[in-house]
Amino acid sequence: MAKLGTFGRSGFIRKSSDSMKLIMTTFVGFLLGFLIGISFPAVSITKLHFPSSIISYIEDRNSGLKTQALLNQAWTSTHKNNSMLNPNSTAKIYVPTNPKGAERLAPGIVVPESDFYLRRLWGDPSEDITTEQKYLVAFTVGFEQKNNIDAAVKKFSENFTIILFHYDGRTSEWDEFEWSKRAIHVSARKQTKWWYAKRFLQPDIVAPYEYIFIWDEDLGVEHFNGEEYIKLVRKHGLEISQPGLEPNNGLTWQMTKRRGDREVHKETEERPGWCTDPHFPPCAAFVEIMAPVFSRNAWRCVWHMIQNDLVHGWGLDFALRKCVEPAHEKIGVVDSQWIVHQVVPSLGNQGKAENGKAPWEGVRQRCRKEWGMFQTRLADAEKAYYKKMGITPPNDTFV
């Protein structure tokens, strides 16, 4: 019995000794780990590069939170910890030469311009675009003119991005044309092309395009080719231009009538007293608003001149000369690439019949009113500028 008692006491002592060793080992290990941990700088999660599979939106089975949400929480927690560990850190980005609103971004990530190039939802982004179009053609259209637009689009090569502004809301029906599946479609009911242009052709959006065509839907293009037109515009140094108009079809200015004996013309003779100067509209520096073509630089200026509330553009054609210098040399009509203005009052019929007047009559009345408003605004703005600068205004009356 004595031996059994001795054995029991020695077993108890041995177990107590083992427990103390385990406790001491655990404590020393914890202390050592703590000392090693604080000797290294905090690791920022923003400097870790996760595989794309980790950032996918797969729901976490245990928490029900999405992986992206978990990463956001981790980033917030780590960012807060870093701020606490580095309370005196003042390294902040502020670049005043960045575009307005982007001053807090590193310049290397700032992309101030965009485009209308279509991109895939899959694959390598660098392989999305096989051809970068150099020119843009925008038509404001209704579906009833689909055949006319189909014929017009086919006059432009693959170097042209096609955008359709739909004033009647019918967009999907255009898919009967193969080219329509590659075009950009924008729909807003009962709006004009200048309303669209101001909102969707902002200069930084169309910056990749060397020339921008902003055309009506009722143009016959049998004698027109887009690539040949661009060649002539470059050859003659035109910043703002239009194709010549068939002279025997509808009413048009003398300046925009096609001449059969030349490639391009830049001036004409109008009725006596219509031109205060032979270099002023409508005798020179003038194209109409039905089918204008702008260089990238000219369009940047014209876009800023378009008024938000004046949507028909009447009077704009007389003011285009403000955007190029010398205007009488850089604005012209391309005669050898000519079109026919079919004078289809489709947009006019989108108006509202009031007081016994047809829809188109109300539209025409609005056009005339806008013309007067635009003249007044432009004249007042220029007078205010010259007065502020203490300069005598030039003898340059606005028509």
Protein backbone atom coordinates (compact mmCIF):
# COMPACT_ATOMS: atom_id res chain seq x y z
CA MET A 1 0.00 0.00 0.00
CA ALA A 2 2.91 2.32 0.82
CA LYS A 3 4.31 1.81 -2.63
CA LEU A 4 0.99 2.61 -4.23
CA GLY A 5 0.73 5.83 -2.22
CA THR A 6 4.21 6.89 -3.22
CA PHE A 7 3.48 6.17 -6.83
CA GLY A 8 0.31 8.29 -6.71
CA ARG A 9 2.14 11.30 -5.23
CA SER A 10 5.01 11.14 -7.73
CA GLY A 11 2.51 10.90 -10.65
CA PHE A 12 0.70 13.99 -9.41
CA ILE A 13 3.97 15.95 -9.09
CA ARG A 14 5.06 14.90 -12.60
CA LYS A 15 1.71 16.00 -14.09
CA SER A 16 1.92 19.37 -12.34
CA SER A 17 5.47 19.85 -13.66
CA ASP A 18 4.35 19.08 -17.24
CA SER A 19 1.47 21.53 -16.99
CA MET A 20 3.80 24.30 -15.78
CA LYS A 21 6.17 23.63 -18.65
CA LEU A 22 3.28 23.85 -21.14
CA ILE A 23 2.06 27.11 -19.63
CA MET A 24 5.57 28.59 -19.62
CA THR A 25 6.20 27.47 -23.20
CA THR A 26 2.92 29.01 -24.37
CA PHE A 27 3.63 32.28 -22.57
CA VAL A 28 7.18 32.54 -23.93
CA GLY A 29 5.92 31.73 -27.45
CA PHE A 30 3.21 34.41 -27.23
CA LEU A 31 5.69 36.98 -25.90
CA LEU A 32 8.23 36.16 -28.58
CA GLY A 33 5.58 36.38 -31.32
CA PHE A 34 4.39 39.74 -30.02
CA LEU A 35 7.93 41.14 -29.96
CA ILE A 36 8.61 39.90 -33.50
CA GLY A 37 5.27 41.28 -34.74
CA ILE A 38 5.79 44.83 -33.51
CA SER A 39 9.28 44.91 -34.98
CA PHE A 40 7.85 44.83 -38.56
CA PRO A 41 5.87 47.69 -40.27
CA ALA A 42 2.15 47.21 -40.81
CA VAL A 43 1.27 45.61 -44.13
CA SER A 44 -1.21 47.65 -46.22
CA ILE A 45 -3.84 45.63 -47.99
CA THR A 46 -3.79 48.22 -50.76
CA LYS A 47 -0.33 46.96 -51.72
CA LEU A 48 -1.44 43.36 -51.99
CA HIS A 49 -2.36 42.04 -55.42
CA PHE A 50 -5.20 39.56 -55.30
CA PRO A 51 -6.02 37.13 -58.12
CA SER A 52 -9.15 38.11 -60.00
CA SER A 53 -10.88 34.97 -58.70
CA ILE A 54 -10.69 36.33 -55.15
CA ILE A 55 -12.40 39.59 -56.16
CA SER A 56 -15.30 37.79 -57.83
CA TYR A 57 -18.79 38.23 -56.43
CA ILE A 58 -19.15 34.71 -54.98
CA GLU A 59 -21.25 34.64 -51.85
CA ASP A 60 -19.50 33.49 -48.71
CA ARG A 61 -21.31 30.36 -47.41
CA ASN A 62 -20.80 31.14 -43.75
CA SER A 63 -21.57 34.85 -43.48
CA GLY A 64 -23.81 35.44 -46.49
CA LEU A 65 -21.63 38.48 -47.35
CA LYS A 66 -20.16 38.83 -50.81
CA THR A 67 -16.42 38.54 -51.22
CA GLN A 68 -16.20 42.11 -52.47
CA ALA A 69 -17.91 43.34 -49.29
CA LEU A 70 -15.48 41.33 -47.15
CA LEU A 71 -12.53 42.86 -48.98
CA ASN A 72 -14.01 46.33 -48.51
CA GLN A 73 -14.32 45.70 -44.78
CA ALA A 74 -10.75 44.42 -44.62
CA TRP A 75 -9.47 47.45 -46.53
CA THR A 76 -11.35 49.87 -44.28
CA SER A 77 -10.05 48.19 -41.14
CA THR A 78 -6.47 48.11 -42.36
CA HIS A 79 -6.61 51.70 -43.65
CA LYS A 80 -7.89 52.82 -40.24
CA ASN A 81 -5.11 50.93 -38.48
CA ASN A 82 -2.49 52.47 -40.74
CA SER A 83 -3.82 55.93 -39.95
CA MET A 84 -3.56 55.18 -36.24
CA LEU A 85 -0.03 53.85 -36.59
CA ASN A 86 1.03 56.86 -38.74
CA PRO A 87 -0.84 59.86 -37.30
CA ASN A 88 1.73 62.31 -38.68
CA SER A 89 1.55 61.09 -42.28
CA THR A 90 0.91 63.98 -44.73
CA ALA A 91 1.52 62.18 -48.04
CA LYS A 92 -1.59 63.20 -49.99
CA ILE A 93 -2.07 63.54 -53.74
CA TYR A 94 -3.15 66.91 -55.13
CA VAL A 95 -2.26 67.78 -58.74
CA PRO A 96 -3.73 71.16 -59.78
CA THR A 97 -2.80 70.54 -63.43
CA ASN A 98 -5.16 67.54 -63.56
CA PRO A 99 -8.62 68.05 -65.11
CA LYS A 100 -11.07 69.82 -62.83
CA GLY A 101 -12.36 67.42 -60.21
CA ALA A 102 -9.49 64.95 -60.67
CA GLU A 103 -6.87 66.86 -58.67
CA ARG A 104 -6.71 64.16 -55.98
CA LEU A 105 -5.79 61.43 -58.45
CA ALA A 106 -2.29 60.43 -59.48
CA PRO A 107 -1.80 61.70 -63.07
CA GLY A 108 -0.93 58.23 -64.28
CA ILE A 109 -4.49 56.99 -63.68
CA VAL A 110 -6.32 60.02 -65.13
CA VAL A 111 -8.07 59.41 -68.48
CA PRO A 112 -9.62 62.74 -69.55
CA GLU A 113 -10.96 61.58 -72.92
CA SER A 114 -13.19 58.76 -74.12
CA ASP A 115 -14.66 57.35 -77.35
CA PHE A 116 -17.52 55.35 -78.85
CA TYR A 117 -15.50 52.21 -79.51
CA LEU A 118 -17.49 49.13 -78.54
CA ARG A 119 -15.84 46.69 -76.14
CA ARG A 120 -16.47 43.07 -75.22
CA LEU A 121 -17.64 41.70 -71.90
CA TRP A 122 -14.95 39.01 -71.99
CA GLY A 123 -11.34 38.42 -73.04
CA ASP A 124 -8.25 40.59 -72.83
CA PRO A 125 -9.19 44.33 -72.99
CA SER A 126 -6.14 45.04 -75.15
CA GLU A 127 -7.63 42.79 -77.84
CA ASP A 128 -11.10 44.36 -77.90
CA ILE A 129 -10.56 46.84 -80.71
CA THR A 130 -9.29 45.58 -84.04
CA THR A 131 -9.89 48.89 -85.88
CA GLU A 132 -9.88 52.34 -84.31
CA GLN A 133 -12.19 54.45 -86.45
CA LYS A 134 -10.81 57.87 -87.28
CA TYR A 135 -14.07 59.65 -88.14
CA LEU A 136 -17.55 59.93 -86.65
CA VAL A 137 -20.91 60.23 -88.44
CA ALA A 138 -24.00 61.13 -86.41
CA PHE A 139 -27.49 61.03 -87.93
CA THR A 140 -30.66 62.17 -86.18
CA VAL A 141 -33.28 59.74 -87.39
CA GLY A 142 -36.83 58.44 -87.36
CA PHE A 143 -37.58 54.89 -88.45
CA GLU A 144 -39.63 56.03 -91.45
CA GLN A 145 -36.39 57.21 -93.04
CA LYS A 146 -34.63 53.88 -92.49
CA ASN A 147 -33.97 53.18 -96.18
CA ASN A 148 -32.49 56.62 -96.72
CA ILE A 149 -30.19 56.21 -93.72
CA ASP A 150 -29.22 52.70 -94.84
CA ALA A 151 -28.10 54.13 -98.19
CA ALA A 152 -26.20 56.94 -96.46
CA VAL A 153 -24.38 54.72 -93.98
CA LYS A 154 -23.14 52.52 -96.83
CA LYS A 155 -21.30 55.54 -98.22
CA PHE A 156 -18.98 55.53 -95.21
CA SER A 157 -16.18 52.99 -94.78
CA GLU A 158 -15.16 51.04 -91.68
CA ASN A 159 -13.02 54.05 -90.71
CA PHE A 160 -16.24 55.76 -89.58
CA THR A 161 -18.06 55.22 -86.30
CA ILE A 162 -21.83 55.44 -86.86
CA ILE A 163 -24.12 56.89 -84.20
CA LEU A 164 -27.89 57.22 -84.58
CA PHE A 165 -29.89 59.68 -82.50
CA HIS A 166 -33.50 58.44 -82.44
CA TYR A 167 -36.13 61.13 -82.02
CA ASP A 168 -39.03 58.64 -82.33
CA GLY A 169 -37.87 56.09 -79.73
CA ARG A 170 -37.69 53.21 -82.23
CA THR A 171 -34.24 51.68 -81.90
CA SER A 172 -34.40 47.88 -81.94
CA GLU A 173 -36.17 47.80 -85.31
CA TRP A 174 -32.98 48.98 -87.01
CA ASP A 175 -31.39 45.59 -86.38
CA GLU A 176 -32.63 44.45 -89.78
CA PHE A 177 -29.49 46.20 -91.04
CA GLU A 178 -26.25 44.42 -90.24
CA TRP A 179 -24.36 47.69 -89.75
CA SER A 180 -26.91 48.76 -87.12
CA LYS A 181 -25.63 46.07 -84.75
CA ARG A 182 -22.26 47.84 -84.68
CA ALA A 183 -23.67 51.36 -84.49
CA ILE A 184 -24.26 53.42 -81.34
CA HIS A 185 -27.95 54.09 -80.67
CA VAL A 186 -29.18 56.93 -78.46
CA SER A 187 -32.88 57.54 -77.96
CA ALA A 188 -34.75 60.58 -76.65
CA ARG A 189 -38.15 61.39 -78.07
CA LYS A 190 -38.81 64.58 -80.04
CA GLN A 191 -35.31 66.05 -79.76
CA THR A 192 -33.18 67.66 -82.44
CA LYS A 193 -29.64 66.87 -83.52
CA TRP A 194 -28.21 69.92 -81.72
CA TRP A 195 -29.84 68.79 -78.47
CA TYR A 196 -28.16 65.42 -78.95
CA ALA A 197 -24.85 66.93 -80.04
CA LYS A 198 -24.59 69.11 -76.96
CA ARG A 199 -25.22 66.18 -74.65
CA PHE A 200 -23.52 63.23 -76.35
CA LEU A 201 -20.78 64.68 -78.58
CA GLN A 202 -18.83 66.49 -75.89
CA PRO A 203 -15.33 67.25 -77.27
CA ASP A 204 -13.53 64.98 -74.81
CA ILE A 205 -15.83 62.13 -75.85
CA VAL A 206 -15.23 62.54 -79.59
CA ALA A 207 -11.55 63.42 -79.21
CA PRO A 208 -10.28 60.30 -81.06
CA TYR A 209 -12.11 61.35 -84.24
CA GLU A 210 -10.39 63.66 -86.70
CA TYR A 211 -13.65 64.74 -88.33
CA ILE A 212 -17.23 64.76 -87.03
CA PHE A 213 -20.20 64.64 -89.44
CA ILE A 214 -23.50 65.86 -87.93
CA TRP A 215 -26.13 65.18 -90.58
CA ASP A 216 -29.87 65.24 -91.14
CA GLU A 217 -31.76 62.13 -92.23
CA ASP A 218 -33.14 63.42 -95.56
CA LEU A 219 -29.97 63.59 -97.66
CA GLY A 220 -29.52 61.82 -100.98
CA VAL A 221 -25.96 60.49 -101.24
CA GLU A 222 -25.76 58.86 -104.67
CA HIS A 223 -22.84 61.13 -105.63
CA PHE A 224 -21.03 61.04 -102.30
CA ASN A 225 -18.20 58.96 -100.83
CA GLY A 226 -16.97 59.48 -97.26
CA GLU A 227 -13.31 58.63 -97.81
CA GLU A 228 -13.04 60.80 -100.93
CA TYR A 229 -14.67 63.65 -99.08
CA ILE A 230 -12.08 63.48 -96.28
CA LYS A 231 -9.26 63.58 -98.86
CA LEU A 232 -10.61 66.81 -100.35
CA VAL A 233 -11.19 68.42 -96.96
CA ARG A 234 -7.57 67.77 -96.06
CA LYS A 235 -6.28 68.87 -99.45
CA HIS A 236 -8.01 72.25 -99.22
CA GLY A 237 -7.44 72.84 -95.51
CA LEU A 238 -11.11 72.97 -94.51
CA GLU A 239 -11.88 72.95 -90.79
CA ILE A 240 -15.63 73.35 -91.31
CA SER A 241 -17.29 72.13 -94.49
CA GLN A 242 -20.26 70.49 -96.16
CA PRO A 243 -20.92 68.68 -99.44
CA GLY A 244 -22.31 70.80 -102.26
CA LEU A 245 -26.10 70.74 -102.63
CA GLU A 246 -27.88 69.91 -105.85
CA PRO A 247 -28.77 73.44 -107.06
CA ASN A 248 -32.05 72.49 -108.72
CA ASN A 249 -33.61 70.78 -105.71
CA GLY A 250 -35.27 72.95 -103.08
CA LEU A 251 -34.32 76.33 -101.70
CA THR A 252 -30.73 76.87 -100.63
CA TRP A 253 -28.16 79.59 -100.23
CA GLN A 254 -25.95 80.45 -103.19
CA MET A 255 -22.89 79.56 -101.13
CA THR A 256 -23.91 75.94 -100.61
CA LYS A 257 -25.01 75.19 -104.18
CA ARG A 258 -22.76 72.72 -105.97
CA ARG A 259 -20.51 74.03 -108.73
CA GLY A 260 -19.70 71.56 -111.44
CA ASP A 261 -16.33 73.03 -112.49
CA ARG A 262 -14.25 72.61 -109.31
CA GLU A 263 -13.49 70.45 -106.28
CA VAL A 264 -14.18 73.06 -103.60
CA HIS A 265 -15.35 76.64 -103.36
CA LYS A 266 -15.07 79.05 -100.41
CA GLU A 267 -16.93 82.15 -101.53
CA THR A 268 -19.84 83.26 -103.68
CA GLU A 269 -22.01 86.23 -104.62
CA GLU A 270 -25.36 86.65 -102.95
CA ARG A 271 -28.11 89.18 -103.39
CA PRO A 272 -27.06 92.85 -103.19
CA GLY A 273 -26.77 94.05 -99.61
CA TRP A 274 -26.81 90.58 -98.05
CA CYS A 275 -23.11 90.54 -97.21
CA THR A 276 -21.55 93.36 -95.21
CA ASP A 277 -18.13 92.01 -96.23
CA PRO A 278 -17.20 89.56 -99.03
CA HIS A 279 -15.47 87.42 -96.40
CA PHE A 280 -18.59 87.24 -94.18
CA PRO A 281 -21.66 84.96 -94.36
CA PRO A 282 -23.52 84.20 -96.45
CA CYS A 283 -20.94 85.11 -99.12
CA ALA A 284 -18.06 83.26 -97.44
CA ALA A 285 -17.16 81.47 -94.18
CA PHE A 286 -20.54 79.79 -94.33
CA VAL A 287 -22.10 76.32 -94.50
CA GLU A 288 -25.63 75.26 -93.63
CA ILE A 289 -26.59 73.23 -90.56
CA MET A 290 -28.17 70.31 -92.45
CA ALA A 291 -24.90 68.47 -93.25
CA PRO A 292 -21.91 70.14 -91.58
CA VAL A 293 -18.54 68.45 -91.10
CA PHE A 294 -16.16 69.66 -88.39
CA SER A 295 -12.52 69.03 -87.68
CA ARG A 296 -11.78 67.94 -84.13
CA ASN A 297 -10.45 71.39 -83.16
CA ALA A 298 -13.30 73.32 -84.79
CA TRP A 299 -15.91 71.12 -83.11
CA ARG A 300 -14.41 71.79 -79.68
CA CYS A 301 -15.18 75.48 -80.20
CA VAL A 302 -18.59 74.98 -81.83
CA TRP A 303 -19.74 72.66 -79.03
CA HIS A 304 -19.15 75.40 -76.48
CA MET A 305 -21.21 77.82 -78.58
CA ILE A 306 -24.28 75.55 -78.78
CA GLN A 307 -26.95 76.77 -76.37
CA ASN A 308 -28.64 74.25 -74.07
CA ASP A 309 -32.14 75.61 -74.58
CA LEU A 310 -31.91 76.50 -78.29
CA VAL A 311 -32.26 73.15 -79.99
CA HIS A 312 -32.92 73.88 -83.67
CA GLY A 313 -29.58 75.51 -84.41
CA TRP A 314 -30.94 78.36 -86.49
CA GLY A 315 -28.34 81.12 -86.63
CA LEU A 316 -25.53 78.78 -85.66
CA ASP A 317 -24.38 78.50 -89.27
CA PHE A 318 -23.77 82.26 -89.43
CA ALA A 319 -21.65 82.09 -86.27
CA LEU A 320 -19.44 79.11 -87.13
CA ARG A 321 -16.82 81.48 -88.49
CA LYS A 322 -16.07 82.53 -84.91
CA CYS A 323 -14.37 79.15 -84.39
CA VAL A 324 -11.70 79.20 -87.13
CA GLU A 325 -9.24 81.79 -88.39
CA PRO A 326 -9.14 82.93 -91.15
CA ALA A 327 -12.70 81.71 -91.56
CA HIS A 328 -13.06 82.55 -95.26
CA GLU A 329 -10.17 80.18 -96.01
CA LYS A 330 -11.00 77.35 -93.61
CA ILE A 331 -14.74 77.07 -94.24
CA GLY A 332 -15.90 75.79 -97.61
CA VAL A 333 -18.17 73.62 -99.74
CA VAL A 334 -16.94 70.41 -101.38
CA ASP A 335 -18.44 70.46 -104.88
CA SER A 336 -17.14 67.20 -106.31
CA GLN A 337 -18.73 65.22 -103.45
CA TRP A 338 -22.30 66.41 -103.49
CA ILE A 339 -25.65 65.52 -101.97
CA VAL A 340 -29.36 66.17 -102.50
CA HIS A 341 -31.45 67.76 -99.77
CA GLN A 342 -34.77 65.92 -100.00
CA VAL A 343 -36.58 68.38 -97.69
CA VAL A 344 -38.55 65.75 -95.76
CA PRO A 345 -40.37 67.54 -92.88
CA SER A 346 -40.18 64.50 -90.62
CA LEU A 347 -38.88 66.25 -87.50
CA GLY A 348 -41.22 69.15 -88.13
CA ASN A 349 -44.13 66.77 -87.90
CA GLN A 350 -42.99 65.84 -84.38
CA GLY A 351 -44.36 69.17 -83.21
CA LYS A 352 -47.71 69.79 -81.52
CA ALA A 353 -50.80 71.17 -83.24
CA GLU A 354 -51.97 74.27 -81.36
CA ASN A 355 -54.51 77.03 -82.04
CA GLY A 356 -55.53 75.49 -85.33
CA LYS A 357 -51.94 75.38 -86.63
CA ALA A 358 -50.30 72.26 -88.05
CA PRO A 359 -47.45 70.67 -86.03
CA TRP A 360 -44.78 71.89 -88.44
CA GLU A 361 -45.95 75.49 -88.12
CA GLY A 362 -45.24 75.53 -84.41
CA VAL A 363 -41.81 74.04 -85.03
CA ARG A 364 -41.00 76.66 -87.66
CA GLN A 365 -42.12 79.46 -85.35
CA ARG A 366 -39.83 78.11 -82.61
CA CYS A 367 -36.94 78.01 -85.11
CA ARG A 368 -37.33 81.67 -85.96
CA LYS A 369 -37.62 82.66 -82.31
CA GLU A 370 -34.46 80.76 -81.44
CA TRP A 371 -32.58 82.48 -84.27
CA GLY A 372 -33.40 85.90 -82.83
CA MET A 373 -32.47 84.81 -79.30
CA PHE A 374 -29.14 83.42 -80.43
CA GLN A 375 -28.26 86.60 -82.35
CA THR A 376 -29.01 88.71 -79.29
CA ARG A 377 -27.02 86.49 -76.94
CA LEU A 378 -23.97 86.43 -79.18
CA ALA A 379 -24.03 90.17 -79.79
CA ASP A 380 -24.48 90.95 -76.08
CA ALA A 381 -21.69 88.57 -75.08
CA GLU A 382 -19.23 90.15 -77.49
CA LYS A 383 -20.18 93.69 -76.49
CA ALA A 384 -19.70 92.80 -72.83
CA TYR A 385 -16.27 91.33 -73.57
CA TYR A 386 -15.03 94.35 -75.52
CA LYS A 387 -16.35 96.73 -72.88
CA LYS A 388 -14.63 94.81 -70.08
CA MET A 389 -11.34 94.80 -72.00
CA GLY A 390 -11.66 98.48 -72.92
CA ILE A 391 -11.54 97.65 -76.63
CA THR A 392 -13.49 99.29 -79.43
CA PRO A 393 -15.63 96.58 -81.06
CA PRO A 394 -14.68 95.78 -84.65
CA ASN A 395 -17.04 96.64 -87.47
CA ASP A 396 -18.32 93.09 -87.50
CA THR A 397 -22.07 92.89 -87.28
CA PHE A 398 -23.68 89.54 -86.62
CA VAL A 399 -26.25 88.45 -89.21
